[in-house]
Protein backbone atom coordinates (compact mmCIF):
# COMPACT_ATOMS: atom_id res chain seq x y z
CA MET A 1 29.09 -6.97 11.65
CA ILE A 2 25.64 -8.33 10.87
CA ARG A 3 24.43 -5.95 8.16
CA CYS A 4 21.09 -7.57 7.31
CA LEU A 5 18.84 -10.13 8.97
CA ASP A 6 19.55 -12.81 6.39
CA ASP A 7 23.24 -12.62 7.36
CA LEU A 8 22.25 -14.11 10.72
CA TYR A 9 21.63 -17.58 9.31
CA ALA A 10 25.13 -18.03 7.88
CA ALA A 11 26.69 -16.41 10.96
CA VAL A 12 24.84 -18.77 13.31
CA ARG A 13 25.82 -21.85 11.30
CA GLU A 14 29.48 -20.90 11.73
CA LYS A 15 29.13 -21.20 15.52
CA GLU A 16 28.23 -24.03 17.87
CA VAL A 17 24.58 -25.01 17.40
CA LYS A 18 22.69 -23.93 20.53
CA SER A 19 19.95 -25.85 22.33
CA ILE A 20 16.67 -24.07 23.01
CA ALA A 21 14.25 -25.29 25.68
CA VAL A 22 10.67 -24.65 24.53
CA ALA A 23 8.08 -24.07 27.23
CA VAL A 24 4.78 -25.74 26.20
CA ALA A 25 5.58 -27.11 22.75
CA GLU A 26 2.30 -28.93 22.07
CA ASP A 27 1.17 -26.58 19.32
CA GLU A 28 1.21 -27.13 15.57
CA ALA A 29 2.68 -23.69 14.81
CA ILE A 30 5.46 -24.22 17.37
CA ILE A 31 6.37 -27.64 15.97
CA LYS A 32 6.42 -26.26 12.40
CA LEU A 33 8.71 -23.46 13.58
CA VAL A 34 10.98 -26.00 15.29
CA GLN A 35 11.10 -28.00 12.07
CA GLN A 36 12.06 -24.96 9.98
CA ALA A 37 14.73 -23.85 12.44
CA VAL A 38 16.26 -27.32 12.50
CA GLN A 39 16.22 -27.45 8.70
CA LYS A 40 18.05 -24.12 8.58
CA GLY A 41 20.62 -25.46 11.05
CA ILE A 42 20.22 -22.57 13.47
CA ALA A 43 19.21 -24.42 16.65
CA ARG A 44 18.42 -27.69 18.42
CA PHE A 45 15.35 -28.01 20.60
CA ILE A 46 14.31 -29.57 23.89
CA LEU A 47 10.53 -29.72 24.15
CA THR A 48 8.49 -29.49 27.34
CA GLY A 49 4.75 -29.99 27.78
CA ASP A 50 2.25 -32.71 26.93
CA ALA A 51 4.62 -35.39 25.64
CA LYS A 52 1.91 -37.43 23.92
CA ARG A 53 0.60 -34.44 21.97
CA ILE A 54 4.11 -33.23 21.15
CA THR A 55 4.98 -36.69 19.78
CA GLU A 56 1.83 -36.71 17.63
CA LEU A 57 2.60 -33.27 16.20
CA LEU A 58 6.22 -34.18 15.44
CA ARG A 59 5.09 -37.23 13.50
CA GLN A 60 2.51 -35.18 11.61
CA GLN A 61 5.35 -32.94 10.42
CA GLY A 62 7.44 -35.94 9.35
CA LEU A 63 9.83 -35.57 12.28
CA GLU A 64 11.16 -38.42 14.37
CA PRO A 65 10.29 -37.91 18.06
CA SER A 66 13.40 -39.83 19.14
CA ASP A 67 15.49 -37.02 17.61
CA PHE A 68 14.19 -34.68 20.32
CA GLU A 69 14.52 -34.59 24.07
CA ILE A 70 10.94 -34.35 25.34
CA HIS A 71 9.91 -33.66 28.93
CA ASP A 72 6.35 -34.59 29.88
CA CYS A 73 4.72 -31.94 32.08
CA ALA A 74 1.28 -31.99 33.62
CA SER A 75 0.61 -28.24 33.32
CA HIS A 76 1.77 -25.10 31.55
CA LYS A 77 3.28 -23.90 34.82
CA GLU A 78 5.31 -27.08 35.18
CA ALA A 79 6.43 -26.91 31.54
CA ALA A 80 7.59 -23.30 31.90
CA GLU A 81 9.49 -24.10 35.08
CA LYS A 82 11.07 -27.16 33.45
CA ALA A 83 12.22 -25.19 30.40
CA VAL A 84 13.80 -22.55 32.62
CA SER A 85 15.42 -25.18 34.86
CA LEU A 86 17.05 -26.82 31.82
CA VAL A 87 18.85 -23.55 31.12
CA VAL A 88 19.75 -23.01 34.78
CA GLN A 89 21.24 -26.52 34.89
CA GLY A 90 23.25 -25.93 31.71
CA LYS A 91 21.32 -28.52 29.70
CA ALA A 92 20.01 -25.86 27.30
CA HIS A 93 21.48 -22.55 26.18
CA LEU A 94 18.27 -20.58 25.70
CA VAL A 95 14.59 -20.63 26.58
CA MET A 96 11.69 -20.02 24.21
CA LYS A 97 8.05 -19.24 24.93
CA GLY A 98 5.70 -21.78 23.42
CA GLU A 99 1.91 -21.94 23.57
CA LEU A 100 1.30 -20.48 27.03
CA GLN A 101 0.34 -17.17 28.58
CA THR A 102 3.14 -14.61 28.64
CA ALA A 103 2.56 -13.85 32.33
CA LEU A 104 2.99 -17.51 33.25
CA PHE A 105 6.14 -17.78 31.19
CA LEU A 106 7.64 -14.64 32.72
CA LYS A 107 6.77 -15.77 36.24
CA ALA A 108 8.90 -18.89 35.77
CA LEU A 109 11.61 -16.95 33.98
CA LEU A 110 11.94 -14.27 36.64
CA ASP A 111 11.61 -16.46 39.74
CA LYS A 112 14.17 -15.08 42.20
CA GLU A 113 15.34 -18.52 43.36
CA LYS A 114 14.92 -20.77 40.31
CA GLY A 115 14.69 -18.38 37.38
CA LEU A 116 16.98 -16.53 34.99
CA ARG A 117 16.64 -13.04 36.38
CA GLY A 118 19.81 -11.04 35.79
CA GLY A 119 20.80 -7.68 37.20
CA ASN A 120 19.19 -5.67 34.41
CA LEU A 121 15.70 -4.70 33.37
CA ILE A 122 14.18 -7.27 31.00
CA SER A 123 13.40 -5.55 27.71
CA GLN A 124 12.33 -6.24 24.15
CA ILE A 125 14.11 -4.95 21.05
CA THR A 126 12.61 -4.95 17.56
CA VAL A 127 15.33 -5.39 14.94
CA THR A 128 14.85 -4.48 11.30
CA GLU A 129 17.00 -3.18 8.45
CA LYS A 130 17.76 0.48 7.87
CA PRO A 131 15.58 2.11 5.20
CA GLU A 132 18.58 4.21 4.21
CA GLY A 133 22.15 2.99 4.02
CA ASP A 134 23.56 -0.23 5.37
CA GLY A 135 22.99 -2.08 8.63
CA LEU A 136 20.39 -2.97 11.22
CA LEU A 137 18.00 -0.60 12.97
CA MET A 138 16.65 -1.35 16.46
CA PHE A 139 13.61 -0.03 18.33
CA THR A 140 13.12 -0.52 22.05
CA ASP A 141 10.95 -1.26 23.98
CA CYS A 142 8.12 -2.50 21.76
CA ALA A 143 6.60 -5.22 23.93
CA MET A 144 7.41 -5.25 27.64
CA ASN A 145 7.98 -1.99 29.51
CA ILE A 146 4.82 0.11 29.47
CA THR A 147 5.84 3.60 30.63
CA PRO A 148 9.54 3.53 31.50
CA THR A 149 11.01 5.99 33.97
CA LEU A 150 14.18 7.93 33.22
CA GLU A 151 16.28 5.28 34.99
CA GLU A 152 14.48 2.51 33.12
CA LYS A 153 15.06 4.32 29.81
CA LYS A 154 18.76 4.36 30.65
CA GLN A 155 18.63 0.58 31.18
CA LEU A 156 16.69 0.09 27.95
CA ILE A 157 19.45 1.94 26.10
CA GLU A 158 22.13 -0.14 27.80
CA ASN A 159 20.36 -3.39 26.91
CA ALA A 160 20.01 -2.34 23.27
CA VAL A 161 23.62 -1.16 23.11
CA GLY A 162 24.74 -4.54 24.46
CA LEU A 163 22.79 -6.33 21.73
CA ALA A 164 24.10 -3.99 19.05
CA MET A 165 27.67 -4.56 20.16
CA SER A 166 27.14 -8.34 20.10
CA LEU A 167 26.07 -7.92 16.48
CA GLY A 168 29.25 -6.00 15.66
CA TYR A 169 28.16 -2.38 16.11
CA GLN A 170 30.81 -0.56 18.10
CA GLN A 171 29.57 2.65 19.73
CA PRO A 172 26.08 2.51 18.21
CA LYS A 173 24.14 5.72 17.65
CA VAL A 174 21.04 6.03 19.83
CA ALA A 175 18.19 8.42 19.03
CA VAL A 176 15.72 9.18 21.81
CA LEU A 177 12.32 9.37 20.12
CA CYS A 178 9.66 11.97 20.87
CA ALA A 179 6.90 13.65 18.91
CA VAL A 180 9.14 16.66 18.26
CA GLU A 181 12.85 17.29 18.00
CA VAL A 182 13.07 20.22 20.41
CA VAL A 183 13.09 20.20 24.22
CA ASN A 184 9.70 21.29 25.50
CA PRO A 185 9.13 21.47 29.28
CA THR A 186 5.43 20.62 28.79
CA MET A 187 6.42 17.32 27.10
CA PRO A 188 8.24 15.20 29.73
CA ASP A 189 9.66 12.75 27.18
CA THR A 190 11.64 15.55 25.54
CA MET A 191 13.10 16.43 28.94
CA ASP A 192 14.09 12.79 29.47
CA ALA A 193 15.72 12.80 26.03
CA ALA A 194 17.84 15.80 26.91
CA VAL A 195 18.89 14.27 30.23
CA LEU A 196 19.80 10.94 28.63
CA SER A 197 21.91 12.77 26.05
CA LYS A 198 23.79 14.59 28.80
CA MET A 199 24.21 11.36 30.80
CA ALA A 200 25.86 9.73 27.79
CA GLU A 201 28.03 12.77 27.21
CA ARG A 202 29.32 12.46 30.78
CA GLY A 203 29.92 8.72 30.59
CA GLN A 204 26.90 7.57 32.59
CA ILE A 205 25.80 5.60 29.52
CA ALA A 206 28.80 3.85 28.04
CA ASN A 207 29.76 2.65 24.56
CA ALA A 208 27.15 4.69 22.68
CA LEU A 209 26.42 8.08 21.16
CA VAL A 210 23.06 9.20 22.55
CA ASP A 211 21.16 12.26 21.34
CA GLY A 212 17.62 13.55 21.43
CA PRO A 213 14.90 14.44 21.32
CA PHE A 214 14.27 13.36 17.74
CA ALA A 215 11.09 12.86 15.77
CA LEU A 216 11.13 9.59 13.87
CA ASP A 217 11.89 11.12 10.48
CA ASN A 218 14.99 13.01 11.56
CA ALA A 219 16.20 10.07 13.65
CA ILE A 220 16.47 7.70 10.69
CA SER A 221 16.56 9.93 7.58
CA VAL A 222 19.60 12.06 6.80
CA ALA A 223 17.54 14.12 4.35
CA ALA A 224 14.87 14.84 6.99
CA ALA A 225 17.54 15.84 9.52
CA LYS A 226 19.16 18.20 7.02
CA GLN A 227 15.79 19.69 6.09
CA LYS A 228 15.20 20.60 9.73
CA LYS A 229 18.82 21.68 10.21
CA ILE A 230 19.48 19.09 12.92
CA GLY A 231 23.17 18.27 13.22
CA GLY A 232 25.28 15.83 15.16
CA PRO A 233 26.51 12.28 14.59
CA VAL A 234 23.17 10.64 15.47
CA ALA A 235 20.79 12.77 13.39
CA GLY A 236 19.36 10.69 10.55
CA GLN A 237 21.80 7.86 11.27
CA ALA A 238 20.44 6.08 14.34
CA ASP A 239 21.27 2.44 14.92
CA ILE A 240 18.94 2.32 17.95
CA VAL A 241 15.73 4.26 18.55
CA LEU A 242 14.49 4.46 22.14
CA VAL A 243 10.70 4.87 22.04
CA PRO A 244 8.97 6.80 24.84
CA ASN A 245 6.47 4.10 25.78
CA LEU A 246 4.97 0.75 24.86
CA GLN A 247 2.12 2.22 22.83
CA VAL A 248 4.56 3.88 20.44
CA GLY A 249 6.86 0.87 20.31
CA ASN A 250 4.08 -1.64 19.70
CA ALA A 251 2.69 0.48 16.86
CA ILE A 252 6.13 0.73 15.28
CA HIS A 253 6.71 -3.03 15.50
CA LYS A 254 3.37 -3.86 13.92
CA GLY A 255 3.65 -1.05 11.40
CA LEU A 256 6.98 -2.42 10.19
CA THR A 257 5.37 -5.84 9.74
CA TYR A 258 1.93 -5.04 8.38
CA LEU A 259 2.22 -1.62 6.72
CA SER A 260 5.77 -1.80 5.39
CA GLN A 261 6.26 -5.56 5.10
CA ARG A 262 9.75 -5.12 6.48
CA LYS A 263 11.93 -7.95 7.71
CA VAL A 264 11.73 -7.92 11.51
CA ALA A 265 13.20 -9.85 14.44
CA ALA A 266 12.37 -9.58 18.13
CA ALA A 267 14.97 -9.95 20.86
CA VAL A 268 14.31 -10.13 24.60
CA VAL A 269 17.37 -9.30 26.68
CA GLY A 270 18.34 -8.45 30.25
CA ALA A 271 18.04 -11.97 31.69
CA LYS A 272 20.99 -14.29 32.19
CA VAL A 273 20.44 -15.63 28.65
CA PRO A 274 18.62 -14.25 25.60
CA ILE A 275 14.95 -15.21 25.41
CA VAL A 276 12.90 -16.13 22.34
CA MET A 277 9.45 -14.66 22.88
CA THR A 278 7.47 -13.85 19.76
CA SER A 279 3.79 -13.19 19.15
CA ARG A 280 1.50 -15.71 17.46
CA ALA A 281 0.70 -12.94 14.97
CA ASP A 282 4.35 -12.58 13.96
CA THR A 283 5.32 -13.95 10.56
CA THR A 284 7.29 -17.18 10.27
CA ASP A 285 10.29 -15.19 9.04
CA THR A 286 10.12 -12.93 12.11
CA LYS A 287 10.08 -15.99 14.39
CA LEU A 288 13.04 -17.57 12.59
CA TYR A 289 15.05 -14.35 12.62
CA SER A 290 14.26 -14.04 16.34
CA ILE A 291 15.60 -17.54 16.99
CA ALA A 292 18.69 -16.78 14.92
CA ILE A 293 19.48 -13.50 16.69
CA ALA A 294 19.08 -15.11 20.13
CA THR A 295 21.34 -18.04 19.28
CA TYR A 296 23.94 -15.76 17.66
CA VAL A 297 24.36 -13.48 20.68
CA SER A 298 24.08 -16.19 23.36
């Protein structure tokens, strides 16, 4: 079991080093990240984009361009498609978003004929460390799905459970987050939480304990759950927190980073392979942890 984010580095180095195809790599921050990941021994990289500029940036960082496979592409669209095709052809294990618009990257990624679309909803999972006790704590979805339906929430849980199990968490505990911890018919998210709990109880969501609704405090704090007399195996002990919508998830992700200075990784799952897709505003550590988690579970 991966109990803290720093454990990922040693765990990744014990496995085969994976190749990551970077879509549009001609950016100083991207090349610096590539350099740090290579130095940590957590990945190899294939770079797509403006080959001349990529070569210049590699040399500026003291890297030898001949150590990298570089594909010259005339546009961001071509670079994104090339990076995805490298994975489709088995020449790379993973794909990573470089310096291009997210919509353009996702269009290449999700192309029905040439992309990496799987059978599941594509979703983002923010991974941090539990404030109480031992282990990782995941929040989903903090970046991609805006206002998920009940069925989409079920898929978000399944994606997060799959990631948790890949990290060694058997039957993870899932808390469905709302503003309150009681079912209130005037608050639709609490109704969804109750339905999802029942679905898991009846085996419609496998390999997880799902309960809710929970407010954030009694989802992750045993003391808060006891104070409000909320029982059950999930209360205060969640491994995964399903947020009701993107606004809540995005605020949690950025709050962890900027208010709490917590260690954070971002995983994008649901495609045929894990995807590395971080924000320019993310810290270097977040980007490296995100690379490590993607390579570990691929």
